[in-house]
N, C-alpha and C. Protein backbone atom coordinates (compact mmCIF):
# COMPACT_ATOMS: atom_id res chain seq x y z
N UNK A 1 63.95 150.36 87.98
CA UNK A 1 63.90 150.59 86.61
C UNK A 1 64.87 151.77 86.06
N UNK A 2 64.75 152.78 86.75
CA UNK A 2 65.40 153.90 86.71
C UNK A 2 67.10 153.69 86.58
N UNK A 3 67.30 152.88 87.56
CA UNK A 3 68.88 152.38 87.65
C UNK A 3 69.19 151.72 86.32
N UNK A 4 68.52 150.75 85.76
CA UNK A 4 68.84 150.01 84.47
C UNK A 4 68.93 150.93 83.59
N UNK A 5 68.08 151.67 83.71
CA UNK A 5 67.95 152.82 82.10
C UNK A 5 69.45 153.49 82.43
N UNK A 6 69.88 154.03 83.74
CA UNK A 6 70.98 154.58 83.57
C UNK A 6 72.32 153.87 83.31
N UNK A 7 72.16 152.53 83.53
CA UNK A 7 73.13 151.62 83.38
C UNK A 7 73.32 151.41 81.71
N UNK A 8 72.01 151.49 81.02
CA UNK A 8 72.14 151.27 79.63
C UNK A 8 72.84 152.30 79.24
N UNK A 9 72.93 153.45 79.39
CA UNK A 9 73.52 154.66 78.83
C UNK A 9 74.98 154.39 79.02
N UNK A 10 75.24 154.00 80.37
CA UNK A 10 76.57 153.52 80.78
C UNK A 10 77.36 152.90 79.86
N UNK A 11 76.57 151.50 79.52
CA UNK A 11 77.00 150.65 78.49
C UNK A 11 77.13 151.08 77.15
N UNK A 12 76.23 151.92 76.72
CA UNK A 12 76.49 152.53 75.45
C UNK A 12 77.66 153.36 75.31
N UNK A 13 78.09 153.81 76.45
CA UNK A 13 79.47 154.71 76.18
C UNK A 13 80.66 153.87 76.40
N UNK A 14 80.36 152.62 77.01
CA UNK A 14 81.47 151.83 77.17
C UNK A 14 81.63 150.97 75.82
N UNK A 15 80.57 150.58 75.12
CA UNK A 15 80.45 150.37 73.78
C UNK A 15 81.24 151.49 73.03
N UNK A 16 81.17 152.61 73.19
CA UNK A 16 81.66 153.68 72.23
C UNK A 16 83.16 153.64 72.41
N UNK A 17 83.56 153.48 73.53
CA UNK A 17 85.05 153.31 73.96
C UNK A 17 85.63 152.28 73.31
N UNK A 18 84.78 151.11 73.33
CA UNK A 18 85.45 149.93 72.68
C UNK A 18 85.61 149.89 71.20
N UNK A 19 84.50 150.39 70.72
CA UNK A 19 84.51 150.83 69.26
C UNK A 19 85.31 151.68 68.70
N UNK A 20 85.95 152.73 69.44
CA UNK A 20 87.29 153.49 69.20
C UNK A 20 88.38 152.68 69.19
N UNK A 21 88.49 152.02 70.59
CA UNK A 21 89.79 151.07 70.41
C UNK A 21 89.57 150.13 69.23
N UNK A 22 88.75 149.53 68.86
CA UNK A 22 88.76 148.76 67.71
C UNK A 22 89.25 149.66 66.48
N UNK A 23 88.54 150.64 66.28
CA UNK A 23 88.74 151.66 65.17
C UNK A 23 90.35 151.98 65.11
N UNK A 24 90.95 152.59 66.40
CA UNK A 24 92.36 153.03 66.01
C UNK A 24 93.11 151.84 66.17
N UNK A 25 92.81 150.61 66.86
CA UNK A 25 93.78 149.52 66.82
C UNK A 25 94.07 148.97 65.73
N UNK A 26 93.16 149.05 64.72
CA UNK A 26 93.79 148.65 63.14
C UNK A 26 94.61 149.74 62.35
N UNK A 27 94.70 150.91 62.92
CA UNK A 27 95.61 151.94 62.18
C UNK A 27 97.06 151.84 62.46
N UNK A 28 97.69 151.61 61.47
CA UNK A 28 99.34 151.49 61.86
C UNK A 28 99.90 152.65 61.01
N UNK A 29 100.57 153.47 61.68
CA UNK A 29 101.00 154.73 60.95
C UNK A 29 102.09 154.58 60.14
N UNK A 30 102.76 153.33 60.47
CA UNK A 30 104.03 153.29 59.99
C UNK A 30 103.85 152.57 58.34
N UNK A 31 102.60 152.22 58.23
CA UNK A 31 102.06 151.62 56.85
C UNK A 31 101.34 152.54 56.22
N UNK A 32 101.14 153.76 56.47
CA UNK A 32 100.11 154.77 56.19
C UNK A 32 100.53 155.22 54.88
N UNK A 33 101.72 154.98 54.40
CA UNK A 33 102.10 155.39 53.02
C UNK A 33 101.94 154.22 51.95
N UNK A 34 101.73 153.20 52.45
CA UNK A 34 101.44 151.94 51.60
C UNK A 34 100.23 151.93 51.17
N UNK A 35 99.77 152.08 50.10
CA UNK A 35 98.48 152.04 49.23
C UNK A 35 97.68 150.73 49.56
N UNK A 36 98.50 149.61 49.60
CA UNK A 36 97.55 148.35 49.77
C UNK A 36 97.33 148.25 51.24
N UNK A 37 97.95 148.88 52.25
CA UNK A 37 97.83 148.64 53.67
C UNK A 37 96.56 149.64 54.04
N UNK A 38 96.29 150.60 53.18
CA UNK A 38 95.19 151.53 53.65
C UNK A 38 93.68 150.92 53.61
N UNK A 39 93.71 150.24 52.42
CA UNK A 39 92.20 149.46 52.80
C UNK A 39 91.87 148.80 53.98
N UNK A 40 92.49 147.70 54.40
CA UNK A 40 92.19 147.17 55.42
C UNK A 40 91.96 148.10 56.52
N UNK A 41 93.14 149.03 56.77
CA UNK A 41 93.08 150.01 57.93
C UNK A 41 91.79 150.69 58.02
N UNK A 42 91.40 151.18 56.89
CA UNK A 42 90.02 152.07 56.91
C UNK A 42 88.97 150.99 57.18
N UNK A 43 88.87 149.84 56.75
CA UNK A 43 87.76 148.89 56.98
C UNK A 43 87.74 148.58 58.44
N UNK A 44 88.97 148.29 59.05
CA UNK A 44 88.87 148.36 60.50
C UNK A 44 88.45 149.70 61.14
N UNK A 45 88.81 150.65 60.78
CA UNK A 45 88.33 152.03 61.30
C UNK A 45 86.77 152.25 61.00
N UNK A 46 86.22 151.79 59.95
CA UNK A 46 84.88 151.93 59.91
C UNK A 46 84.02 150.99 60.67
N UNK A 47 84.72 149.70 61.02
CA UNK A 47 83.89 148.61 61.71
C UNK A 47 83.95 149.22 63.47
N UNK A 48 85.06 149.85 63.64
CA UNK A 48 84.99 150.28 64.99
C UNK A 48 84.19 151.64 65.19
N UNK A 49 84.30 152.34 64.25
CA UNK A 49 83.13 153.49 64.36
C UNK A 49 81.71 153.18 64.21
N UNK A 50 81.44 151.92 63.58
CA UNK A 50 80.22 151.61 63.50
C UNK A 50 79.73 151.15 64.91
N UNK A 51 80.62 150.20 65.57
CA UNK A 51 80.38 149.64 66.69
C UNK A 51 80.02 150.68 68.03
N UNK A 52 80.89 151.61 67.73
CA UNK A 52 80.73 152.93 68.63
C UNK A 52 79.38 153.57 68.69
N UNK A 53 79.14 153.83 67.49
CA UNK A 53 77.83 154.56 66.80
C UNK A 53 76.68 153.84 67.40
N UNK A 54 76.75 152.56 67.02
CA UNK A 54 75.44 151.49 67.26
C UNK A 54 75.42 151.32 68.80
N UNK A 55 76.48 151.20 69.37
CA UNK A 55 76.24 150.81 71.04
C UNK A 55 75.70 152.13 71.69
N UNK A 56 76.23 153.21 71.05
CA UNK A 56 75.48 154.43 71.74
C UNK A 56 74.22 154.73 71.54
N UNK A 57 73.70 154.42 70.17
CA UNK A 57 72.45 154.48 69.95
C UNK A 57 71.52 153.61 70.55
N UNK A 58 71.94 152.43 70.79
CA UNK A 58 71.11 151.42 71.35
C UNK A 58 70.86 151.56 72.98
N UNK A 59 71.97 152.08 73.38
CA UNK A 59 71.98 152.61 74.88
C UNK A 59 71.11 153.77 74.95
N UNK A 60 71.11 154.81 74.27
CA UNK A 60 70.27 156.00 74.33
C UNK A 60 68.95 155.57 74.05
N UNK A 61 68.53 154.77 73.27
CA UNK A 61 67.17 154.49 72.69
C UNK A 61 66.49 153.77 74.11
N UNK A 62 67.24 152.43 74.42
CA UNK A 62 66.54 151.76 75.42
C UNK A 62 66.56 152.80 76.65
N UNK A 63 67.41 153.43 77.14
CA UNK A 63 67.28 154.55 78.08
C UNK A 63 66.11 155.54 78.21
N UNK A 64 65.79 155.92 76.88
CA UNK A 64 64.46 156.59 76.66
C UNK A 64 63.34 155.93 76.79
N UNK A 65 63.23 154.53 76.42
CA UNK A 65 62.04 153.68 76.41
C UNK A 65 61.79 153.17 78.00
N UNK A 66 62.86 152.87 78.47
CA UNK A 66 62.71 152.34 80.09
C UNK A 66 62.24 153.68 80.78
N UNK A 67 62.79 154.88 80.57
CA UNK A 67 62.53 156.04 81.42
C UNK A 67 61.03 156.30 81.19
N UNK A 68 60.62 156.27 80.04
CA UNK A 68 59.03 156.50 79.53
C UNK A 68 58.28 155.33 80.01
N UNK A 69 58.65 154.37 80.19
CA UNK A 69 57.88 152.93 80.87
C UNK A 69 57.99 153.36 82.31
N UNK A 70 58.78 153.96 83.02
CA UNK A 70 59.09 154.09 84.30
C UNK A 70 58.16 155.18 84.72
N UNK A 71 57.82 156.34 83.92
CA UNK A 71 57.03 157.28 84.01
C UNK A 71 55.43 156.77 83.94
N UNK A 72 55.16 155.93 83.21
CA UNK A 72 53.95 155.35 82.95
C UNK A 72 53.70 154.75 84.15
N UNK A 73 54.57 153.73 84.73
CA UNK A 73 54.23 152.80 85.74
C UNK A 73 54.33 153.79 86.99
N UNK A 74 54.72 154.83 87.32
CA UNK A 74 54.63 155.71 88.49
C UNK A 74 53.47 156.34 88.25
N UNK A 75 53.06 157.06 87.27
CA UNK A 75 51.88 157.66 87.25
C UNK A 75 50.53 156.57 87.48
N UNK A 76 50.67 155.46 86.97
CA UNK A 76 49.58 154.38 87.19
C UNK A 76 49.64 153.88 88.49
N UNK A 77 50.90 153.88 89.26
CA UNK A 77 51.05 153.48 90.56
C UNK A 77 50.00 154.47 91.66
N UNK A 78 50.32 155.70 91.29
CA UNK A 78 49.65 156.92 91.87
C UNK A 78 48.20 156.85 91.97
N UNK A 79 47.96 156.57 90.66
CA UNK A 79 46.32 156.35 90.23
C UNK A 79 45.82 155.49 91.22
N UNK A 80 46.36 154.10 91.18
CA UNK A 80 45.98 153.27 91.64
C UNK A 80 45.94 153.26 92.97
N UNK A 81 46.95 153.93 93.84
CA UNK A 81 46.98 154.12 95.28
C UNK A 81 45.85 155.15 95.66
N UNK A 82 45.51 156.08 94.82
CA UNK A 82 44.68 157.11 95.21
C UNK A 82 43.23 156.32 95.03
N UNK A 83 42.87 155.62 94.05
CA UNK A 83 41.77 154.95 94.07
C UNK A 83 41.42 153.85 95.16
N UNK A 84 42.39 153.11 95.54
CA UNK A 84 42.47 152.29 96.92
C UNK A 84 41.94 153.04 98.23
N UNK A 85 42.77 154.22 98.41
CA UNK A 85 42.43 155.08 99.40
C UNK A 85 41.00 155.56 99.53
N UNK A 86 40.59 155.84 98.35
CA UNK A 86 39.31 156.38 98.02
C UNK A 86 38.28 155.46 98.57
N UNK A 87 38.47 154.27 97.94
CA UNK A 87 37.62 153.24 98.03
C UNK A 87 37.53 152.89 99.64
N UNK A 88 38.48 152.81 100.45
CA UNK A 88 38.73 152.68 101.65
C UNK A 88 38.31 153.76 102.75
N UNK A 89 38.24 154.91 102.36
CA UNK A 89 37.41 155.99 102.88
C UNK A 89 35.95 155.78 102.87
N UNK A 90 35.54 155.55 101.63
CA UNK A 90 34.11 154.95 101.41
C UNK A 90 33.46 153.96 102.15
N UNK A 91 34.34 152.70 102.26
CA UNK A 91 34.01 151.56 103.30
C UNK A 91 34.19 152.06 104.60
N UNK A 92 34.98 152.73 105.01
CA UNK A 92 35.24 153.13 106.26
C UNK A 92 33.96 154.09 106.87
N UNK A 93 33.45 154.55 105.99
CA UNK A 93 31.98 155.44 106.25
C UNK A 93 30.80 154.64 106.45
N UNK A 94 30.93 153.61 105.76
CA UNK A 94 29.48 152.70 105.67
C UNK A 94 29.70 151.88 106.92
């Protein structure tokens, strides 16, 4: 589970890179002086940045959620094993 959580962060970072590629791919410096060409460039830039930020956010949130679940399961496992060992010791004495 910990490996999956770390992979989600990595996927979020990959999404960030893809988002910035989308954002910068729509910018054409040769047409930057053309007022009519600015609006589509800004739209593509915003879409790419949105992709970058959302993928980072989703990766981070899912990482935190999975790590919290991992801690809960790890703690529960320790308690379960402790209870089983105690029960085995009690039955061994009888």
